[in-house]
PDB file of all heavy atoms in Angstrom:
ATOM      1  N   ILE A   1      92.314 111.563 101.483  1.00  0.00           N
ATOM      2  CA  ILE A   1      92.859 110.665 102.502  1.00  0.00           C
ATOM      3  C   ILE A   1      91.771 109.648 102.807  1.00  0.00           C
ATOM      4  O   ILE A   1      90.637 110.016 103.131  1.00  0.00           O
ATOM      5  CB  ILE A   1      93.258 111.401 103.791  1.00  0.00           C
ATOM      6  CG1 ILE A   1      94.389 112.385 103.534  1.00  0.00           C
ATOM      7  CG2 ILE A   1      93.669 110.396 104.870  1.00  0.00           C
ATOM      8  CD1 ILE A   1      94.818 113.172 104.758  1.00  0.00           C
ATOM      9  N   LEU A   2      92.105 108.384 102.682  1.00  0.00           N
ATOM     10  CA  LEU A   2      91.194 107.306 103.039  1.00  0.00           C
ATOM     11  C   LEU A   2      91.646 106.774 104.387  1.00  0.00           C
ATOM     12  O   LEU A   2      92.806 106.402 104.543  1.00  0.00           O
ATOM     13  CB  LEU A   2      91.235 106.180 101.998  1.00  0.00           C
ATOM     14  CG  LEU A   2      91.078 106.594 100.540  1.00  0.00           C
ATOM     15  CD1 LEU A   2      91.216 105.385  99.631  1.00  0.00           C
ATOM     16  CD2 LEU A   2      89.751 107.285 100.321  1.00  0.00           C
ATOM     17  N   GLU A   3      90.752 106.748 105.347  1.00  0.00           N
ATOM     18  CA  GLU A   3      91.105 106.249 106.670  1.00  0.00           C
ATOM     19  C   GLU A   3      91.077 104.732 106.641  1.00  0.00           C
ATOM     20  O   GLU A   3      90.020 104.128 106.538  1.00  0.00           O
ATOM     21  CB  GLU A   3      90.154 106.803 107.726  1.00  0.00           C
ATOM     22  CG  GLU A   3      90.208 108.308 107.857  1.00  0.00           C
ATOM     23  CD  GLU A   3      91.581 108.839 108.268  1.00  0.00           C
ATOM     24  OE1 GLU A   3      92.322 108.138 108.982  1.00  0.00           O
ATOM     25  OE2 GLU A   3      91.917 109.969 107.854  1.00  0.00           O
ATOM     26  N   GLY A   4      92.270 104.130 106.719  1.00  0.00           N
ATOM     27  CA  GLY A   4      92.404 102.682 106.585  1.00  0.00           C
ATOM     28  C   GLY A   4      92.404 101.924 107.894  1.00  0.00           C
ATOM     29  O   GLY A   4      92.804 100.773 107.933  1.00  0.00           O
ATOM     30  N   GLY A   5      91.990 102.539 108.979  1.00  0.00           N
ATOM     31  CA  GLY A   5      91.981 101.879 110.275  1.00  0.00           C
ATOM     32  C   GLY A   5      92.998 102.512 111.200  1.00  0.00           C
ATOM     33  O   GLY A   5      93.572 103.562 110.912  1.00  0.00           O
ATOM     34  N   THR A   6      93.252 101.843 112.309  1.00  0.00           N
ATOM     35  CA  THR A   6      94.195 102.376 113.296  1.00  0.00           C
ATOM     36  C   THR A   6      95.466 101.537 113.355  1.00  0.00           C
ATOM     37  O   THR A   6      96.140 101.504 114.371  1.00  0.00           O
ATOM     38  CB  THR A   6      93.536 102.440 114.682  1.00  0.00           C
ATOM     39  OG1 THR A   6      93.097 101.128 115.035  1.00  0.00           O
ATOM     40  CG2 THR A   6      92.377 103.407 114.694  1.00  0.00           C
ATOM     41  N   PHE A   7      95.795 100.871 112.280  1.00  0.00           N
ATOM     42  CA  PHE A   7      96.980 100.030 112.196  1.00  0.00           C
ATOM     43  C   PHE A   7      97.745 100.376 110.924  1.00  0.00           C
ATOM     44  O   PHE A   7      97.263 101.123 110.076  1.00  0.00           O
ATOM     45  CB  PHE A   7      96.586  98.548 112.174  1.00  0.00           C
ATOM     46  CG  PHE A   7      95.970  98.077 113.457  1.00  0.00           C
ATOM     47  CD1 PHE A   7      94.615  98.226 113.696  1.00  0.00           C
ATOM     48  CD2 PHE A   7      96.755  97.478 114.428  1.00  0.00           C
ATOM     49  CE1 PHE A   7      94.042  97.786 114.873  1.00  0.00           C
ATOM     50  CE2 PHE A   7      96.192  97.029 115.611  1.00  0.00           C
ATOM     51  CZ  PHE A   7      94.836  97.186 115.836  1.00  0.00           C
ATOM     52  N   ASP A   8      98.931  99.777 110.779  1.00  0.00           N
ATOM     53  CA  ASP A   8      99.716  99.985 109.565  1.00  0.00           C
ATOM     54  C   ASP A   8      98.990  99.417 108.357  1.00  0.00           C
ATOM     55  O   ASP A   8      98.491  98.291 108.400  1.00  0.00           O
ATOM     56  CB  ASP A   8     101.082  99.300 109.672  1.00  0.00           C
ATOM     57  CG  ASP A   8     102.013  99.989 110.650  1.00  0.00           C
ATOM     58  OD1 ASP A   8     101.850 101.209 110.852  1.00  0.00           O
ATOM     59  OD2 ASP A   8     102.899  99.321 111.197  1.00  0.00           O
ATOM     60  N   VAL A   9      98.931 100.204 107.283  1.00  0.00           N
ATOM     61  CA  VAL A   9      98.414  99.722 106.003  1.00  0.00           C
ATOM     62  C   VAL A   9      99.643  99.237 105.236  1.00  0.00           C
ATOM     63  O   VAL A   9     100.435 100.027 104.757  1.00  0.00           O
ATOM     64  CB  VAL A   9      97.677 100.833 105.226  1.00  0.00           C
ATOM     65  CG1 VAL A   9      97.153 100.285 103.901  1.00  0.00           C
ATOM     66  CG2 VAL A   9      96.547 101.414 106.062  1.00  0.00           C
ATOM     67  N   HIS A  10      99.817  97.923 105.172  1.00  0.00           N
ATOM     68  CA  HIS A  10     101.049  97.350 104.625  1.00  0.00           C
ATOM     69  C   HIS A  10     101.043  97.171 103.119  1.00  0.00           C
ATOM     70  O   HIS A  10     102.090  97.230 102.490  1.00  0.00           O
ATOM     71  CB  HIS A  10     101.346  96.000 105.271  1.00  0.00           C
ATOM     72  CG  HIS A  10     102.064  96.139 106.558  1.00  0.00           C
ATOM     73  ND1 HIS A  10     103.396  96.416 106.636  1.00  0.00           N
ATOM     74  CD2 HIS A  10     101.624  96.074 107.834  1.00  0.00           C
ATOM     75  CE1 HIS A  10     103.756  96.500 107.894  1.00  0.00           C
ATOM     76  NE2 HIS A  10     102.694  96.301 108.638  1.00  0.00           N
ATOM     77  N   THR A  11      99.896  96.913 102.550  1.00  0.00           N
ATOM     78  CA  THR A  11      99.855  96.580 101.138  1.00  0.00           C
ATOM     79  C   THR A  11      98.678  97.268 100.466  1.00  0.00           C
ATOM     80  O   THR A  11      97.597  97.349 101.036  1.00  0.00           O
ATOM     81  CB  THR A  11      99.701  95.055 100.945  1.00  0.00           C
ATOM     82  OG1 THR A  11     100.800  94.399 101.555  1.00  0.00           O
ATOM     83  CG2 THR A  11      99.646  94.675  99.495  1.00  0.00           C
ATOM     84  N   LEU A  12      98.922  97.745  99.265  1.00  0.00           N
ATOM     85  CA  LEU A  12      97.879  98.298  98.411  1.00  0.00           C
ATOM     86  C   LEU A  12      97.923  97.586  97.074  1.00  0.00           C
ATOM     87  O   LEU A  12      99.004  97.231  96.597  1.00  0.00           O
ATOM     88  CB  LEU A  12      98.107  99.788  98.158  1.00  0.00           C
ATOM     89  CG  LEU A  12      98.087 100.729  99.349  1.00  0.00           C
ATOM     90  CD1 LEU A  12      98.529 102.121  98.915  1.00  0.00           C
ATOM     91  CD2 LEU A  12      96.701 100.780  99.968  1.00  0.00           C
ATOM     92  N   CYS A  13      96.775  97.420  96.459  1.00  0.00           N
ATOM     93  CA  CYS A  13      96.753  96.959  95.061  1.00  0.00           C
ATOM     94  C   CYS A  13      95.519  97.529  94.386  1.00  0.00           C
ATOM     95  O   CYS A  13      94.497  97.780  95.025  1.00  0.00           O
ATOM     96  CB  CYS A  13      96.823  95.442  94.949  1.00  0.00           C
ATOM     97  SG  CYS A  13      95.433  94.535  95.633  1.00  0.00           S
ATOM     98  N   LEU A  14      95.655  97.751  93.101  1.00  0.00           N
ATOM     99  CA  LEU A  14      94.580  98.317  92.287  1.00  0.00           C
ATOM    100  C   LEU A  14      94.044  97.273  91.325  1.00  0.00           C
ATOM    101  O   LEU A  14      94.821  96.482  90.768  1.00  0.00           O
ATOM    102  CB  LEU A  14      95.110  99.476  91.450  1.00  0.00           C
ATOM    103  CG  LEU A  14      95.121 100.857  92.068  1.00  0.00           C
ATOM    104  CD1 LEU A  14      95.858 101.827  91.169  1.00  0.00           C
ATOM    105  CD2 LEU A  14      93.720 101.351  92.343  1.00  0.00           C
ATOM    106  N   SER A  15      92.743  97.300  91.107  1.00  0.00           N
ATOM    107  CA  SER A  15      92.164  96.452  90.067  1.00  0.00           C
ATOM    108  C   SER A  15      92.687  96.931  88.714  1.00  0.00           C
ATOM    109  O   SER A  15      93.126  98.068  88.575  1.00  0.00           O
ATOM    110  CB  SER A  15      90.636  96.523  90.104  1.00  0.00           C
ATOM    111  OG  SER A  15      90.197  97.840  89.872  1.00  0.00           O
ATOM    112  N   SER A  16      92.643  96.056  87.725  1.00  0.00           N
ATOM    113  CA  SER A  16      93.206  96.396  86.410  1.00  0.00           C
ATOM    114  C   SER A  16      92.525  97.592  85.761  1.00  0.00           C
ATOM    115  O   SER A  16      93.145  98.316  84.986  1.00  0.00           O
ATOM    116  CB  SER A  16      93.162  95.188  85.473  1.00  0.00           C
ATOM    117  OG  SER A  16      91.833  94.725  85.331  1.00  0.00           O
ATOM    118  N   ASN A  17      91.251  97.859  86.088  1.00  0.00           N
ATOM    119  CA  ASN A  17      90.574  99.030  85.522  1.00  0.00           C
ATOM    120  C   ASN A  17      90.820 100.290  86.348  1.00  0.00           C
ATOM    121  O   ASN A  17      90.337 101.356  86.010  1.00  0.00           O
ATOM    122  CB  ASN A  17      89.073  98.768  85.350  1.00  0.00           C
ATOM    123  CG  ASN A  17      88.336  98.595  86.665  1.00  0.00           C
ATOM    124  OD1 ASN A  17      88.885  98.787  87.753  1.00  0.00           O
ATOM    125  ND2 ASN A  17      87.069  98.215  86.562  1.00  0.00           N
ATOM    126  N   GLY A  18      91.555 100.163  87.474  1.00  0.00           N
ATOM    127  CA  GLY A  18      91.899 101.316  88.298  1.00  0.00           C
ATOM    128  C   GLY A  18      90.763 101.874  89.128  1.00  0.00           C
ATOM    129  O   GLY A  18      90.882 102.943  89.696  1.00  0.00           O
ATOM    130  N   ARG A  19      89.667 101.142  89.247  1.00  0.00           N
ATOM    131  CA  ARG A  19      88.504 101.664  89.957  1.00  0.00           C
ATOM    132  C   ARG A  19      88.386 101.182  91.400  1.00  0.00           C
ATOM    133  O   ARG A  19      87.798 101.843  92.227  1.00  0.00           O
ATOM    134  CB  ARG A  19      87.235 101.305  89.186  1.00  0.00           C
ATOM    135  CG  ARG A  19      87.205 101.986  87.817  1.00  0.00           C
ATOM    136  CD  ARG A  19      86.020 101.592  87.001  1.00  0.00           C
ATOM    137  NE  ARG A  19      84.793 102.057  87.635  1.00  0.00           N
ATOM    138  CZ  ARG A  19      83.595 101.626  87.296  1.00  0.00           C
ATOM    139  NH1 ARG A  19      83.460 100.727  86.351  1.00  0.00           N
ATOM    140  NH2 ARG A  19      82.525 102.087  87.898  1.00  0.00           N
ATOM    141  N   ILE A  20      88.954 100.009  91.700  1.00  0.00           N
ATOM    142  CA  ILE A  20      88.862  99.447  93.040  1.00  0.00           C
ATOM    143  C   ILE A  20      90.270  99.312  93.625  1.00  0.00           C
ATOM    144  O   ILE A  20      91.170  98.752  93.002  1.00  0.00           O
ATOM    145  CB  ILE A  20      88.169  98.062  93.033  1.00  0.00           C
ATOM    146  CG1 ILE A  20      86.776  98.155  92.416  1.00  0.00           C
ATOM    147  CG2 ILE A  20      88.126  97.474  94.442  1.00  0.00           C
ATOM    148  CD1 ILE A  20      85.792  98.991  93.204  1.00  0.00           C
ATOM    149  N   LEU A  21      90.436  99.837  94.826  1.00  0.00           N
ATOM    150  CA  LEU A  21      91.688  99.743  95.566  1.00  0.00           C
ATOM    151  C   LEU A  21      91.470  98.783  96.728  1.00  0.00           C
ATOM    152  O   LEU A  21      90.433  98.837  97.392  1.00  0.00           O
ATOM    153  CB  LEU A  21      92.080 101.125  96.104  1.00  0.00           C
ATOM    154  CG  LEU A  21      93.296 101.190  97.013  1.00  0.00           C
ATOM    155  CD1 LEU A  21      94.571 100.988  96.204  1.00  0.00           C
ATOM    156  CD2 LEU A  21      93.324 102.515  97.756  1.00  0.00           C
ATOM    157  N   ALA A  22      92.438  97.905  96.972  1.00  0.00           N
ATOM    158  CA  ALA A  22      92.416  97.039  98.149  1.00  0.00           C
ATOM    159  C   ALA A  22      93.554  97.459  99.057  1.00  0.00           C
ATOM    160  O   ALA A  22      94.673  97.699  98.593  1.00  0.00           O
ATOM    161  CB  ALA A  22      92.573  95.575  97.741  1.00  0.00           C
ATOM    162  N   SER A  23      93.269  97.572 100.361  1.00  0.00           N
ATOM    163  CA  SER A  23      94.294  97.910 101.345  1.00  0.00           C
ATOM    164  C   SER A  23      94.320  96.831 102.419  1.00  0.00           C
ATOM    165  O   SER A  23      93.281  96.458 102.959  1.00  0.00           O
ATOM    166  CB  SER A  23      94.023  99.282 101.960  1.00  0.00           C
ATOM    167  OG  SER A  23      92.801  99.305 102.662  1.00  0.00           O
ATOM    168  N   ALA A  24      95.521  96.326 102.707  1.00  0.00           N
ATOM    169  CA  ALA A  24      95.695  95.262 103.691  1.00  0.00           C
ATOM    170  C   ALA A  24      96.400  95.812 104.917  1.00  0.00           C
ATOM    171  O   ALA A  24      97.384  96.539 104.796  1.00  0.00           O
ATOM    172  CB  ALA A  24      96.517  94.134 103.079  1.00  0.00           C
ATOM    173  N   THR A  25      95.881  95.468 106.116  1.00  0.00           N
ATOM    174  CA  THR A  25      96.378  96.082 107.333  1.00  0.00           C
ATOM    175  C   THR A  25      96.715  95.074 108.425  1.00  0.00           C
ATOM    176  O   THR A  25      96.383  93.888 108.340  1.00  0.00           O
ATOM    177  CB  THR A  25      95.329  97.056 107.910  1.00  0.00           C
ATOM    178  OG1 THR A  25      94.188  96.303 108.294  1.00  0.00           O
ATOM    179  CG2 THR A  25      94.930  98.104 106.907  1.00  0.00           C
ATOM    180  N   ASP A  26      97.338  95.617 109.476  1.00  0.00           N
ATOM    181  CA  ASP A  26      97.683  94.826 110.656  1.00  0.00           C
ATOM    182  C   ASP A  26      96.498  94.589 111.589  1.00  0.00           C
ATOM    183  O   ASP A  26      96.660  94.001 112.644  1.00  0.00           O
ATOM    184  CB  ASP A  26      98.803  95.516 111.453  1.00  0.00           C
ATOM    185  CG  ASP A  26     100.175  95.200 110.919  1.00  0.00           C
ATOM    186  OD1 ASP A  26     100.297  94.304 110.056  1.00  0.00           O
ATOM    187  OD2 ASP A  26     101.138  95.845 111.348  1.00  0.00           O
ATOM    188  N   ASP A  27      95.312  95.050 111.219  1.00  0.00           N
ATOM    189  CA  ASP A  27      94.144  94.751 112.054  1.00  0.00           C
ATOM    190  C   ASP A  27      93.407  93.520 111.534  1.00  0.00           C
ATOM    191  O   ASP A  27      92.246  93.298 111.842  1.00  0.00           O
ATOM    192  CB  ASP A  27      93.203  95.950 112.167  1.00  0.00           C
ATOM    193  CG  ASP A  27      92.513  96.315 110.863  1.00  0.00           C
ATOM    194  OD1 ASP A  27      92.852  95.729 109.810  1.00  0.00           O
ATOM    195  OD2 ASP A  27      91.647  97.204 110.881  1.00  0.00           O
ATOM    196  N   GLN A  28      94.104  92.722 110.727  1.00  0.00           N
ATOM    197  CA  GLN A  28      93.597  91.457 110.185  1.00  0.00           C
ATOM    198  C   GLN A  28      92.448  91.651 109.202  1.00  0.00           C
ATOM    199  O   GLN A  28      91.559  90.819 109.101  1.00  0.00           O
ATOM    200  CB  GLN A  28      93.192  90.505 111.312  1.00  0.00           C
ATOM    201  CG  GLN A  28      94.341  90.202 112.257  1.00  0.00           C
ATOM    202  CD  GLN A  28      93.979  89.220 113.344  1.00  0.00           C
ATOM    203  OE1 GLN A  28      92.834  88.812 113.487  1.00  0.00           O
ATOM    204  NE2 GLN A  28      94.973  88.831 114.118  1.00  0.00           N
ATOM    205  N   THR A  29      92.487  92.772 108.474  1.00  0.00           N
ATOM    206  CA  THR A  29      91.448  93.015 107.473  1.00  0.00           C
ATOM    207  C   THR A  29      92.044  93.517 106.160  1.00  0.00           C
ATOM    208  O   THR A  29      93.167  94.006 106.114  1.00  0.00           O
ATOM    209  CB  THR A  29      90.417  94.072 107.929  1.00  0.00           C
ATOM    210  OG1 THR A  29      91.065  95.331 108.049  1.00  0.00           O
ATOM    211  CG2 THR A  29      89.760  93.686 109.239  1.00  0.00           C
ATOM    212  N   VAL A  30      91.234  93.383 105.130  1.00  0.00           N
ATOM    213  CA  VAL A  30      91.467  94.044 103.850  1.00  0.00           C
ATOM    214  C   VAL A  30      90.235  94.886 103.602  1.00  0.00           C
ATOM    215  O   VAL A  30      89.111  94.434 103.803  1.00  0.00           O
ATOM    216  CB  VAL A  30      91.670  93.027 102.705  1.00  0.00           C
ATOM    217  CG1 VAL A  30      91.619  93.709 101.345  1.00  0.00           C
ATOM    218  CG2 VAL A  30      92.985  92.280 102.881  1.00  0.00           C
ATOM    219  N   ARG A  31      90.467  96.121 103.200  1.00  0.00           N
ATOM    220  CA  ARG A  31      89.355  97.007 102.870  1.00  0.00           C
ATOM    221  C   ARG A  31      89.375  97.272 101.370  1.00  0.00           C
ATOM    222  O   ARG A  31      90.444  97.426 100.779  1.00  0.00           O
ATOM    223  CB  ARG A  31      89.479  98.314 103.635  1.00  0.00           C
ATOM    224  CG  ARG A  31      89.157  98.189 105.106  1.00  0.00           C
ATOM    225  CD  ARG A  31      89.421  99.487 105.851  1.00  0.00           C
ATOM    226  NE  ARG A  31      88.972  99.435 107.223  1.00  0.00           N
ATOM    227  CZ  ARG A  31      89.628  98.827 108.210  1.00  0.00           C
ATOM    228  NH1 ARG A  31      90.769  98.237 107.967  1.00  0.00           N
ATOM    229  NH2 ARG A  31      89.140  98.814 109.435  1.00  0.00           N
ATOM    230  N   LEU A  32      88.185  97.331 100.790  1.00  0.00           N
ATOM    231  CA  LEU A  32      88.039  97.694  99.381  1.00  0.00           C
ATOM    232  C   LEU A  32      87.520  99.120  99.317  1.00  0.00           C
ATOM    233  O   LEU A  32      86.692  99.533 100.135  1.00  0.00           O
ATOM    234  CB  LEU A  32      87.069  96.752  98.674  1.00  0.00           C
ATOM    235  CG  LEU A  32      87.496  95.282  98.621  1.00  0.00           C
ATOM    236  CD1 LEU A  32      86.407  94.448  97.967  1.00  0.00           C
ATOM    237  CD2 LEU A  32      88.809  95.122  97.902  1.00  0.00           C
ATOM    238  N   TRP A  33      88.011  99.859  98.324  1.00  0.00           N
ATOM    239  CA  TRP A  33      87.658 101.269  98.162  1.00  0.00           C
ATOM    240  C   TRP A  33      87.239 101.537  96.735  1.00  0.00           C
ATOM    241  O   TRP A  33      87.870 101.042  95.799  1.00  0.00           O
ATOM    242  CB  TRP A  33      88.868 102.145  98.479  1.00  0.00           C
ATOM    243  CG  TRP A  33      89.457 101.924  99.826  1.00  0.00           C
ATOM    244  CD1 TRP A  33      90.443 101.018 100.145  1.00  0.00           C
ATOM    245  CD2 TRP A  33      89.110 102.587 101.030  1.00  0.00           C
ATOM    246  NE1 TRP A  33      90.723 101.100 101.477  1.00  0.00           N
ATOM    247  CE2 TRP A  33      89.930 102.056 102.051  1.00  0.00           C
ATOM    248  CE3 TRP A  33      88.205 103.598 101.347  1.00  0.00           C
ATOM    249  CZ2 TRP A  33      89.857 102.492 103.364  1.00  0.00           C
ATOM    250  CZ3 TRP A  33      88.132 104.031 102.656  1.00  0.00           C
ATOM    251  CH2 TRP A  33      88.946 103.485 103.656  1.00  0.00           C
ATOM    252  N   ASN A  34      86.204 102.349  96.573  1.00  0.00           N
ATOM    253  CA  ASN A  34      85.846 102.893  95.275  1.00  0.00           C
ATOM    254  C   ASN A  34      86.778 104.084  95.082  1.00  0.00           C
ATOM    255  O   ASN A  34      86.626 105.108  95.746  1.00  0.00           O
ATOM    256  CB  ASN A  34      84.378 103.321  95.270  1.00  0.00           C
ATOM    257  CG  ASN A  34      83.959 103.962  93.972  1.00  0.00           C
ATOM    258  OD1 ASN A  34      84.680 104.766  93.397  1.00  0.00           O
ATOM    259  ND2 ASN A  34      82.769 103.625  93.529  1.00  0.00           N
TER     260      ASN A  34
END
């Protein structure tokens, strides 16, 4: 479980190599994940 903040995580996308995940939220941020 990746804690994506205290808001809705609306969008996810993966890099083409599958190593980096981006999560977009209602707290006006995008987080990158290994």
